[in-house]
Amino acid sequence: VATLLGRGNDATERITLERLDRTAAELEPAAADASAWASRFS
């Protein structure tokens, strides 16, 4: 996902990895905001 969204930009990949890690750290994965990731993909 980081590679896809980073599209060759190392800083964007690093930020994406940090955001993904925050998502994974949610106590309940279902409570994480899928719509935020949908917006990033869009």
PDB file of all heavy atoms in Angstrom:
ATOM      1  N   VAL A   1       0.841  -1.201   0.000  1.00  0.00           N
ATOM      2  CA  VAL A   1       0.000   0.000   0.000  1.00  0.00           C
ATOM      3  C   VAL A   1       0.874   1.248   0.000  1.00  0.00           C
ATOM      4  O   VAL A   1       0.620   2.200  -0.736  1.00  0.00           O
ATOM      5  CB  VAL A   1      -0.973   0.004   1.207  1.00  0.00           C
ATOM      6  CG1 VAL A   1      -1.629   1.373   1.378  1.00  0.00           C
ATOM      7  CG2 VAL A   1      -2.037  -1.065   1.036  1.00  0.00           C
ATOM      8  N   ALA A   2       1.927   1.246   0.813  1.00  0.00           N
ATOM      9  CA  ALA A   2       2.827   2.396   0.866  1.00  0.00           C
ATOM     10  C   ALA A   2       3.488   2.631  -0.487  1.00  0.00           C
ATOM     11  O   ALA A   2       3.616   3.777  -0.941  1.00  0.00           O
ATOM     12  CB  ALA A   2       3.881   2.199   1.948  1.00  0.00           C
ATOM     13  N   THR A   3       3.888   1.568  -1.146  1.00  0.00           N
ATOM     14  CA  THR A   3       4.492   1.695  -2.474  1.00  0.00           C
ATOM     15  C   THR A   3       3.472   2.229  -3.470  1.00  0.00           C
ATOM     16  O   THR A   3       3.776   3.121  -4.266  1.00  0.00           O
ATOM     17  CB  THR A   3       5.025   0.324  -2.952  1.00  0.00           C
ATOM     18  OG1 THR A   3       6.023  -0.110  -2.025  1.00  0.00           O
ATOM     19  CG2 THR A   3       5.624   0.416  -4.339  1.00  0.00           C
ATOM     20  N   LEU A   4       2.253   1.710  -3.412  1.00  0.00           N
ATOM     21  CA  LEU A   4       1.206   2.149  -4.325  1.00  0.00           C
ATOM     22  C   LEU A   4       0.895   3.632  -4.137  1.00  0.00           C
ATOM     23  O   LEU A   4       0.863   4.402  -5.103  1.00  0.00           O
ATOM     24  CB  LEU A   4      -0.051   1.309  -4.101  1.00  0.00           C
ATOM     25  CG  LEU A   4      -1.211   1.497  -5.060  1.00  0.00           C
ATOM     26  CD1 LEU A   4      -1.978   0.194  -5.192  1.00  0.00           C
ATOM     27  CD2 LEU A   4      -2.153   2.588  -4.619  1.00  0.00           C
ATOM     28  N   LEU A   5       0.664   4.042  -2.888  1.00  0.00           N
ATOM     29  CA  LEU A   5       0.310   5.432  -2.633  1.00  0.00           C
ATOM     30  C   LEU A   5       1.509   6.373  -2.731  1.00  0.00           C
ATOM     31  O   LEU A   5       1.343   7.553  -3.050  1.00  0.00           O
ATOM     32  CB  LEU A   5      -0.371   5.571  -1.266  1.00  0.00           C
ATOM     33  CG  LEU A   5      -1.752   4.931  -1.152  1.00  0.00           C
ATOM     34  CD1 LEU A   5      -2.286   5.064   0.272  1.00  0.00           C
ATOM     35  CD2 LEU A   5      -2.722   5.549  -2.142  1.00  0.00           C
ATOM     36  N   GLY A   6       2.698   5.865  -2.439  1.00  0.00           N
ATOM     37  CA  GLY A   6       3.891   6.701  -2.516  1.00  0.00           C
ATOM     38  C   GLY A   6       4.296   7.031  -3.940  1.00  0.00           C
ATOM     39  O   GLY A   6       4.883   8.074  -4.205  1.00  0.00           O
ATOM     40  N   ARG A   7       4.013   6.128  -4.858  1.00  0.00           N
ATOM     41  CA  ARG A   7       4.308   6.327  -6.286  1.00  0.00           C
ATOM     42  C   ARG A   7       5.719   6.870  -6.510  1.00  0.00           C
ATOM     43  O   ARG A   7       5.939   7.807  -7.263  1.00  0.00           O
ATOM     44  CB  ARG A   7       3.263   7.238  -6.918  1.00  0.00           C
ATOM     45  CG  ARG A   7       1.895   6.631  -6.845  1.00  0.00           C
ATOM     46  CD  ARG A   7       0.803   7.299  -7.609  1.00  0.00           C
ATOM     47  NE  ARG A   7       0.971   8.648  -8.039  1.00  0.00           N
ATOM     48  CZ  ARG A   7       0.119   9.634  -7.795  1.00  0.00           C
ATOM     49  NH1 ARG A   7      -0.951   9.397  -7.088  1.00  0.00           N
ATOM     50  NH2 ARG A   7       0.319  10.832  -8.255  1.00  0.00           N
ATOM     51  N   GLY A   8       6.683   6.256  -5.822  1.00  0.00           N
ATOM     52  CA  GLY A   8       8.079   6.628  -6.035  1.00  0.00           C
ATOM     53  C   GLY A   8       8.595   7.729  -5.139  1.00  0.00           C
ATOM     54  O   GLY A   8       9.775   8.072  -5.191  1.00  0.00           O
ATOM     55  N   ASN A   9       7.761   8.313  -4.304  1.00  0.00           N
ATOM     56  CA  ASN A   9       8.168   9.386  -3.405  1.00  0.00           C
ATOM     57  C   ASN A   9       8.421   8.783  -2.020  1.00  0.00           C
ATOM     58  O   ASN A   9       7.488   8.362  -1.332  1.00  0.00           O
ATOM     59  CB  ASN A   9       7.066  10.453  -3.341  1.00  0.00           C
ATOM     60  CG  ASN A   9       7.444  11.629  -2.476  1.00  0.00           C
ATOM     61  OD1 ASN A   9       7.985  11.474  -1.382  1.00  0.00           O
ATOM     62  ND2 ASN A   9       7.136  12.818  -2.963  1.00  0.00           N
ATOM     63  N   ASP A  10       9.706   8.747  -1.614  1.00  0.00           N
ATOM     64  CA  ASP A  10      10.083   8.113  -0.347  1.00  0.00           C
ATOM     65  C   ASP A  10       9.395   8.744   0.857  1.00  0.00           C
ATOM     66  O   ASP A  10       8.977   8.036   1.781  1.00  0.00           O
ATOM     67  CB  ASP A  10      11.600   8.157  -0.145  1.00  0.00           C
ATOM     68  CG  ASP A  10      12.342   7.257  -1.115  1.00  0.00           C
ATOM     69  OD1 ASP A  10      11.715   6.320  -1.660  1.00  0.00           O
ATOM     70  OD2 ASP A  10      13.551   7.487  -1.334  1.00  0.00           O
ATOM     71  N   ALA A  11       9.257  10.077   0.865  1.00  0.00           N
ATOM     72  CA  ALA A  11       8.617  10.758   1.998  1.00  0.00           C
ATOM     73  C   ALA A  11       7.147  10.357   2.097  1.00  0.00           C
ATOM     74  O   ALA A  11       6.637  10.095   3.192  1.00  0.00           O
ATOM     75  CB  ALA A  11       8.749  12.271   1.857  1.00  0.00           C
ATOM     76  N   THR A  12       6.461  10.288   0.970  1.00  0.00           N
ATOM     77  CA  THR A  12       5.055   9.885   0.970  1.00  0.00           C
ATOM     78  C   THR A  12       4.913   8.439   1.419  1.00  0.00           C
ATOM     79  O   THR A  12       3.992   8.102   2.171  1.00  0.00           O
ATOM     80  CB  THR A  12       4.434  10.084  -0.432  1.00  0.00           C
ATOM     81  OG1 THR A  12       4.591  11.450  -0.809  1.00  0.00           O
ATOM     82  CG2 THR A  12       2.968   9.720  -0.446  1.00  0.00           C
ATOM     83  N   GLU A  13       5.820   7.576   0.991  1.00  0.00           N
ATOM     84  CA  GLU A  13       5.787   6.173   1.431  1.00  0.00           C
ATOM     85  C   GLU A  13       5.961   6.091   2.946  1.00  0.00           C
ATOM     86  O   GLU A  13       5.251   5.336   3.616  1.00  0.00           O
ATOM     87  CB  GLU A  13       6.871   5.359   0.728  1.00  0.00           C
ATOM     88  CG  GLU A  13       6.512   4.998  -0.690  1.00  0.00           C
ATOM     89  CD  GLU A  13       7.510   4.044  -1.325  1.00  0.00           C
ATOM     90  OE1 GLU A  13       8.063   3.178  -0.614  1.00  0.00           O
ATOM     91  OE2 GLU A  13       7.722   4.162  -2.542  1.00  0.00           O
ATOM     92  N   ARG A  14       6.900   6.856   3.481  1.00  0.00           N
ATOM     93  CA  ARG A  14       7.163   6.835   4.925  1.00  0.00           C
ATOM     94  C   ARG A  14       5.928   7.327   5.700  1.00  0.00           C
ATOM     95  O   ARG A  14       5.525   6.716   6.697  1.00  0.00           O
ATOM     96  CB  ARG A  14       8.388   7.709   5.233  1.00  0.00           C
ATOM     97  CG  ARG A  14       8.993   7.495   6.581  1.00  0.00           C
ATOM     98  CD  ARG A  14      10.343   8.161   6.773  1.00  0.00           C
ATOM     99  NE  ARG A  14      10.505   9.477   6.159  1.00  0.00           N
ATOM    100  CZ  ARG A  14      11.136   9.718   5.001  1.00  0.00           C
ATOM    101  NH1 ARG A  14      11.683   8.732   4.334  1.00  0.00           N
ATOM    102  NH2 ARG A  14      11.246  10.943   4.520  1.00  0.00           N
ATOM    103  N   ILE A  15       5.300   8.404   5.224  1.00  0.00           N
ATOM    104  CA  ILE A  15       4.097   8.934   5.875  1.00  0.00           C
ATOM    105  C   ILE A  15       2.973   7.910   5.805  1.00  0.00           C
ATOM    106  O   ILE A  15       2.242   7.694   6.778  1.00  0.00           O
ATOM    107  CB  ILE A  15       3.675  10.271   5.221  1.00  0.00           C
ATOM    108  CG1 ILE A  15       4.689  11.361   5.579  1.00  0.00           C
ATOM    109  CG2 ILE A  15       2.265  10.674   5.640  1.00  0.00           C
ATOM    110  CD1 ILE A  15       4.549  12.632   4.766  1.00  0.00           C
ATOM    111  N   THR A  16       2.837   7.251   4.657  1.00  0.00           N
ATOM    112  CA  THR A  16       1.798   6.233   4.493  1.00  0.00           C
ATOM    113  C   THR A  16       2.024   5.075   5.449  1.00  0.00           C
ATOM    114  O   THR A  16       1.076   4.583   6.085  1.00  0.00           O
ATOM    115  CB  THR A  16       1.743   5.734   3.034  1.00  0.00           C
ATOM    116  OG1 THR A  16       1.474   6.849   2.176  1.00  0.00           O
ATOM    117  CG2 THR A  16       0.685   4.672   2.843  1.00  0.00           C
ATOM    118  N   LEU A  17       3.270   4.641   5.597  1.00  0.00           N
ATOM    119  CA  LEU A  17       3.575   3.561   6.543  1.00  0.00           C
ATOM    120  C   LEU A  17       3.209   3.961   7.967  1.00  0.00           C
ATOM    121  O   LEU A  17       2.658   3.159   8.730  1.00  0.00           O
ATOM    122  CB  LEU A  17       5.054   3.174   6.456  1.00  0.00           C
ATOM    123  CG  LEU A  17       5.456   2.377   5.221  1.00  0.00           C
ATOM    124  CD1 LEU A  17       6.975   2.268   5.121  1.00  0.00           C
ATOM    125  CD2 LEU A  17       4.821   0.991   5.233  1.00  0.00           C
ATOM    126  N   GLU A  18       3.492   5.212   8.344  1.00  0.00           N
ATOM    127  CA  GLU A  18       3.143   5.693   9.683  1.00  0.00           C
ATOM    128  C   GLU A  18       1.632   5.684   9.879  1.00  0.00           C
ATOM    129  O   GLU A  18       1.129   5.276  10.927  1.00  0.00           O
ATOM    130  CB  GLU A  18       3.707   7.097   9.907  1.00  0.00           C
ATOM    131  CG  GLU A  18       5.218   7.121  10.028  1.00  0.00           C
ATOM    132  CD  GLU A  18       5.804   8.538   9.996  1.00  0.00           C
ATOM    133  OE1 GLU A  18       5.028   9.527   9.979  1.00  0.00           O
ATOM    134  OE2 GLU A  18       7.040   8.647   9.979  1.00  0.00           O
ATOM    135  N   ARG A  19       0.891   6.130   8.859  1.00  0.00           N
ATOM    136  CA  ARG A  19      -0.575   6.134   8.950  1.00  0.00           C
ATOM    137  C   ARG A  19      -1.115   4.711   9.043  1.00  0.00           C
ATOM    138  O   ARG A  19      -2.053   4.438   9.793  1.00  0.00           O
ATOM    139  CB  ARG A  19      -1.180   6.836   7.730  1.00  0.00           C
ATOM    140  CG  ARG A  19      -0.990   8.326   7.742  1.00  0.00           C
ATOM    141  CD  ARG A  19      -1.517   8.949   6.479  1.00  0.00           C
ATOM    142  NE  ARG A  19      -1.464  10.390   6.556  1.00  0.00           N
ATOM    143  CZ  ARG A  19      -1.488  11.195   5.500  1.00  0.00           C
ATOM    144  NH1 ARG A  19      -1.576  10.682   4.277  1.00  0.00           N
ATOM    145  NH2 ARG A  19      -1.446  12.493   5.646  1.00  0.00           N
ATOM    146  N   LEU A  20      -0.534   3.820   8.264  1.00  0.00           N
ATOM    147  CA  LEU A  20      -0.959   2.418   8.322  1.00  0.00           C
ATOM    148  C   LEU A  20      -0.693   1.824   9.701  1.00  0.00           C
ATOM    149  O   LEU A  20      -1.526   1.091  10.242  1.00  0.00           O
ATOM    150  CB  LEU A  20      -0.241   1.603   7.239  1.00  0.00           C
ATOM    151  CG  LEU A  20      -0.747   1.826   5.817  1.00  0.00           C
ATOM    152  CD1 LEU A  20       0.266   1.318   4.807  1.00  0.00           C
ATOM    153  CD2 LEU A  20      -2.099   1.161   5.613  1.00  0.00           C
ATOM    154  N   ASP A  21       0.444   2.147  10.278  1.00  0.00           N
ATOM    155  CA  ASP A  21       0.769   1.642  11.607  1.00  0.00           C
ATOM    156  C   ASP A  21      -0.205   2.176  12.653  1.00  0.00           C
ATOM    157  O   ASP A  21      -0.596   1.455  13.577  1.00  0.00           O
ATOM    158  CB  ASP A  21       2.212   1.978  11.979  1.00  0.00           C
ATOM    159  CG  ASP A  21       3.219   1.173  11.170  1.00  0.00           C
ATOM    160  OD1 ASP A  21       2.845   0.131  10.609  1.00  0.00           O
ATOM    161  OD2 ASP A  21       4.392   1.611  11.091  1.00  0.00           O
ATOM    162  N   ARG A  22      -0.612   3.447  12.510  1.00  0.00           N
ATOM    163  CA  ARG A  22      -1.607   4.003  13.439  1.00  0.00           C
ATOM    164  C   ARG A  22      -2.942   3.278  13.278  1.00  0.00           C
ATOM    165  O   ARG A  22      -3.625   3.001  14.266  1.00  0.00           O
ATOM    166  CB  ARG A  22      -1.779   5.502  13.226  1.00  0.00           C
ATOM    167  CG  ARG A  22      -0.661   6.330  13.835  1.00  0.00           C
ATOM    168  CD  ARG A  22      -1.010   7.804  13.932  1.00  0.00           C
ATOM    169  NE  ARG A  22      -1.356   8.423  12.667  1.00  0.00           N
ATOM    170  CZ  ARG A  22      -0.491   8.993  11.833  1.00  0.00           C
ATOM    171  NH1 ARG A  22       0.798   9.027  12.125  1.00  0.00           N
ATOM    172  NH2 ARG A  22      -0.902   9.552  10.708  1.00  0.00           N
ATOM    173  N   THR A  23      -3.307   2.978  12.048  1.00  0.00           N
ATOM    174  CA  THR A  23      -4.553   2.233  11.805  1.00  0.00           C
ATOM    175  C   THR A  23      -4.490   0.867  12.474  1.00  0.00           C
ATOM    176  O   THR A  23      -5.434   0.443  13.135  1.00  0.00           O
ATOM    177  CB  THR A  23      -4.800   2.074  10.285  1.00  0.00           C
ATOM    178  OG1 THR A  23      -4.992   3.372   9.713  1.00  0.00           O
ATOM    179  CG2 THR A  23      -6.008   1.210  10.006  1.00  0.00           C
ATOM    180  N   ALA A  24      -3.378   0.166  12.299  1.00  0.00           N
ATOM    181  CA  ALA A  24      -3.226  -1.173  12.876  1.00  0.00           C
ATOM    182  C   ALA A  24      -3.212  -1.139  14.400  1.00  0.00           C
ATOM    183  O   ALA A  24      -3.579  -2.115  15.051  1.00  0.00           O
ATOM    184  CB  ALA A  24      -1.954  -1.825  12.349  1.00  0.00           C
ATOM    185  N   ALA A  25      -2.793  -0.008  14.975  1.00  0.00           N
ATOM    186  CA  ALA A  25      -2.707   0.102  16.431  1.00  0.00           C
ATOM    187  C   ALA A  25      -4.072   0.326  17.086  1.00  0.00           C
ATOM    188  O   ALA A  25      -4.186   0.230  18.314  1.00  0.00           O
ATOM    189  CB  ALA A  25      -1.762   1.237  16.816  1.00  0.00           C
ATOM    190  N   GLU A  26      -5.105   0.585  16.281  1.00  0.00           N
ATOM    191  CA  GLU A  26      -6.449   0.748  16.848  1.00  0.00           C
ATOM    192  C   GLU A  26      -6.786  -0.506  17.658  1.00  0.00           C
ATOM    193  O   GLU A  26      -6.498  -1.623  17.243  1.00  0.00           O
ATOM    194  CB  GLU A  26      -7.487   0.917  15.729  1.00  0.00           C
ATOM    195  CG  GLU A  26      -7.356   2.193  14.946  1.00  0.00           C
ATOM    196  CD  GLU A  26      -7.891   3.397  15.690  1.00  0.00           C
ATOM    197  OE1 GLU A  26      -8.772   3.233  16.550  1.00  0.00           O
ATOM    198  OE2 GLU A  26      -7.411   4.502  15.398  1.00  0.00           O
ATOM    199  N   LEU A  27      -7.421  -0.311  18.779  1.00  0.00           N
ATOM    200  CA  LEU A  27      -7.776  -1.462  19.613  1.00  0.00           C
ATOM    201  C   LEU A  27      -8.732  -2.405  18.897  1.00  0.00           C
ATOM    202  O   LEU A  27      -8.621  -3.607  19.021  1.00  0.00           O
ATOM    203  CB  LEU A  27      -8.403  -0.993  20.928  1.00  0.00           C
ATOM    204  CG  LEU A  27      -7.461  -0.248  21.858  1.00  0.00           C
ATOM    205  CD1 LEU A  27      -8.203   0.244  23.088  1.00  0.00           C
ATOM    206  CD2 LEU A  27      -6.312  -1.158  22.267  1.00  0.00           C
ATOM    207  N   GLU A  28      -9.682  -1.868  18.181  1.00  0.00           N
ATOM    208  CA  GLU A  28     -10.614  -2.686  17.415  1.00  0.00           C
ATOM    209  C   GLU A  28     -10.443  -2.305  15.951  1.00  0.00           C
ATOM    210  O   GLU A  28     -10.818  -1.213  15.559  1.00  0.00           O
ATOM    211  CB  GLU A  28     -12.048  -2.438  17.847  1.00  0.00           C
ATOM    212  CG  GLU A  28     -12.346  -2.883  19.261  1.00  0.00           C
ATOM    213  CD  GLU A  28     -13.800  -2.690  19.608  1.00  0.00           C
ATOM    214  OE1 GLU A  28     -14.649  -2.713  18.698  1.00  0.00           O
ATOM    215  OE2 GLU A  28     -14.083  -2.515  20.790  1.00  0.00           O
ATOM    216  N   PRO A  29      -9.911  -3.216  15.111  1.00  0.00           N
ATOM    217  CA  PRO A  29      -9.714  -2.880  13.713  1.00  0.00           C
ATOM    218  C   PRO A  29     -10.972  -2.367  13.026  1.00  0.00           C
ATOM    219  O   PRO A  29     -10.909  -1.496  12.188  1.00  0.00           O
ATOM    220  CB  PRO A  29      -9.244  -4.196  13.084  1.00  0.00           C
ATOM    221  CG  PRO A  29      -8.618  -4.941  14.209  1.00  0.00           C
ATOM    222  CD  PRO A  29      -9.418  -4.549  15.422  1.00  0.00           C
ATOM    223  N   ALA A  30     -12.138  -2.860  13.402  1.00  0.00           N
ATOM    224  CA  ALA A  30     -13.367  -2.416  12.759  1.00  0.00           C
ATOM    225  C   ALA A  30     -13.658  -0.947  13.062  1.00  0.00           C
ATOM    226  O   ALA A  30     -14.407  -0.301  12.335  1.00  0.00           O
ATOM    227  CB  ALA A  30     -14.542  -3.277  13.199  1.00  0.00           C
ATOM    228  N   ALA A  31     -13.068  -0.404  14.150  1.00  0.00           N
ATOM    229  CA  ALA A  31     -13.292   0.988  14.502  1.00  0.00           C
ATOM    230  C   ALA A  31     -12.405   1.925  13.694  1.00  0.00           C
ATOM    231  O   ALA A  31     -12.621   3.122  13.672  1.00  0.00           O
ATOM    232  CB  ALA A  31     -13.037   1.204  15.996  1.00  0.00           C
ATOM    233  N   ALA A  32     -11.388   1.392  13.045  1.00  0.00           N
ATOM    234  CA  ALA A  32     -10.505   2.218  12.231  1.00  0.00           C
ATOM    235  C   ALA A  32     -11.298   2.807  11.074  1.00  0.00           C
ATOM    236  O   ALA A  32     -12.285   2.249  10.627  1.00  0.00           O
ATOM    237  CB  ALA A  32      -9.344   1.380  11.709  1.00  0.00           C
ATOM    238  N   ASP A  33     -10.860   3.935  10.581  1.00  0.00           N
ATOM    239  CA  ASP A  33     -11.620   4.670   9.580  1.00  0.00           C
ATOM    240  C   ASP A  33     -11.283   4.216   8.165  1.00  0.00           C
ATOM    241  O   ASP A  33     -10.344   4.719   7.554  1.00  0.00           O
ATOM    242  CB  ASP A  33     -11.356   6.161   9.756  1.00  0.00           C
ATOM    243  CG  ASP A  33     -12.308   7.017   8.957  1.00  0.00           C
ATOM    244  OD1 ASP A  33     -13.188   6.445   8.267  1.00  0.00           O
ATOM    245  OD2 ASP A  33     -12.180   8.239   9.016  1.00  0.00           O
ATOM    246  N   ALA A  34     -12.071   3.289   7.630  1.00  0.00           N
ATOM    247  CA  ALA A  34     -11.868   2.816   6.258  1.00  0.00           C
ATOM    248  C   ALA A  34     -12.081   3.937   5.255  1.00  0.00           C
ATOM    249  O   ALA A  34     -11.434   3.973   4.212  1.00  0.00           O
ATOM    250  CB  ALA A  34     -12.800   1.644   5.964  1.00  0.00           C
ATOM    251  N   SER A  35     -12.970   4.885   5.581  1.00  0.00           N
ATOM    252  CA  SER A  35     -13.256   5.961   4.631  1.00  0.00           C
ATOM    253  C   SER A  35     -12.043   6.870   4.425  1.00  0.00           C
ATOM    254  O   SER A  35     -11.851   7.403   3.334  1.00  0.00           O
ATOM    255  CB  SER A  35     -14.474   6.778   5.075  1.00  0.00           C
ATOM    256  OG  SER A  35     -14.230   7.418   6.304  1.00  0.00           O
ATOM    257  N   ALA A  36     -11.212   7.022   5.449  1.00  0.00           N
ATOM    258  CA  ALA A  36      -9.997   7.838   5.282  1.00  0.00           C
ATOM    259  C   ALA A  36      -9.059   7.181   4.276  1.00  0.00           C
ATOM    260  O   ALA A  36      -8.464   7.859   3.430  1.00  0.00           O
ATOM    261  CB  ALA A  36      -9.295   8.016   6.629  1.00  0.00           C
ATOM    262  N   TRP A  37      -8.942   5.863   4.347  1.00  0.00           N
ATOM    263  CA  TRP A  37      -8.084   5.156   3.394  1.00  0.00           C
ATOM    264  C   TRP A  37      -8.708   5.156   2.003  1.00  0.00           C
ATOM    265  O   TRP A  37      -8.007   5.284   0.997  1.00  0.00           O
ATOM    266  CB  TRP A  37      -7.772   3.745   3.883  1.00  0.00           C
ATOM    267  CG  TRP A  37      -6.766   3.821   4.988  1.00  0.00           C
ATOM    268  CD1 TRP A  37      -6.994   3.710   6.322  1.00  0.00           C
ATOM    269  CD2 TRP A  37      -5.380   4.134   4.842  1.00  0.00           C
ATOM    270  NE1 TRP A  37      -5.829   3.913   7.015  1.00  0.00           N
ATOM    271  CE2 TRP A  37      -4.816   4.173   6.130  1.00  0.00           C
ATOM    272  CE3 TRP A  37      -4.557   4.377   3.743  1.00  0.00           C
ATOM    273  CZ2 TRP A  37      -3.476   4.441   6.352  1.00  0.00           C
ATOM    274  CZ3 TRP A  37      -3.212   4.644   3.961  1.00  0.00           C
ATOM    275  CH2 TRP A  37      -2.690   4.671   5.256  1.00  0.00           C
ATOM    276  N   ALA A  38     -10.023   5.055   1.938  1.00  0.00           N
ATOM    277  CA  ALA A  38     -10.704   5.141   0.640  1.00  0.00           C
ATOM    278  C   ALA A  38     -10.407   6.488  -0.009  1.00  0.00           C
ATOM    279  O   ALA A  38     -10.153   6.567  -1.220  1.00  0.00           O
ATOM    280  CB  ALA A  38     -12.204   4.935   0.803  1.00  0.00           C
ATOM    281  N   SER A  39     -10.402   7.552   0.784  1.00  0.00           N
ATOM    282  CA  SER A  39     -10.087   8.890   0.257  1.00  0.00           C
ATOM    283  C   SER A  39      -8.653   8.971  -0.251  1.00  0.00           C
ATOM    284  O   SER A  39      -8.389   9.578  -1.292  1.00  0.00           O
ATOM    285  CB  SER A  39     -10.298   9.957   1.335  1.00  0.00           C
ATOM    286  OG  SER A  39     -11.655  10.069   1.652  1.00  0.00           O
ATOM    287  N   ARG A  40      -7.732   8.352   0.469  1.00  0.00           N
ATOM    288  CA  ARG A  40      -6.332   8.361   0.020  1.00  0.00           C
ATOM    289  C   ARG A  40      -6.184   7.612  -1.301  1.00  0.00           C
ATOM    290  O   ARG A  40      -5.459   8.053  -2.198  1.00  0.00           O
ATOM    291  CB  ARG A  40      -5.430   7.760   1.091  1.00  0.00           C
ATOM    292  CG  ARG A  40      -5.278   8.663   2.299  1.00  0.00           C
ATOM    293  CD  ARG A  40      -4.304   8.106   3.331  1.00  0.00           C
ATOM    294  NE  ARG A  40      -4.247   9.002   4.452  1.00  0.00           N
ATOM    295  CZ  ARG A  40      -4.877   8.796   5.611  1.00  0.00           C
ATOM    296  NH1 ARG A  40      -5.577   7.710   5.798  1.00  0.00           N
ATOM    297  NH2 ARG A  40      -4.780   9.666   6.590  1.00  0.00           N
ATOM    298  N   PHE A  41      -6.861   6.468  -1.425  1.00  0.00           N
ATOM    299  CA  PHE A  41      -6.807   5.733  -2.686  1.00  0.00           C
ATOM    300  C   PHE A  41      -7.461   6.542  -3.809  1.00  0.00           C
ATOM    301  O   PHE A  41      -6.949   6.598  -4.924  1.00  0.00           O
ATOM    302  CB  PHE A  41      -7.471   4.360  -2.551  1.00  0.00           C
ATOM    303  CG  PHE A  41      -6.689   3.392  -1.712  1.00  0.00           C
ATOM    304  CD1 PHE A  41      -7.256   2.803  -0.592  1.00  0.00           C
ATOM    305  CD2 PHE A  41      -5.373   3.048  -2.033  1.00  0.00           C
ATOM    306  CE1 PHE A  41      -6.545   1.899   0.183  1.00  0.00           C
ATOM    307  CE2 PHE A  41      -4.654   2.148  -1.264  1.00  0.00           C
ATOM    308  CZ  PHE A  41      -5.237   1.578  -0.151  1.00  0.00           C
ATOM    309  N   SER A  42      -8.593   7.174  -3.504  1.00  0.00           N
ATOM    310  CA  SER A  42      -9.270   8.013  -4.511  1.00  0.00           C
ATOM    311  C   SER A  42      -8.360   9.130  -4.985  1.00  0.00           C
ATOM    312  O   SER A  42      -8.262   9.402  -6.183  1.00  0.00           O
ATOM    313  CB  SER A  42     -10.553   8.625  -3.934  1.00  0.00           C
ATOM    314  OG  SER A  42     -11.532   7.652  -3.744  1.00  0.00           O
TER     315      SER A  42
END
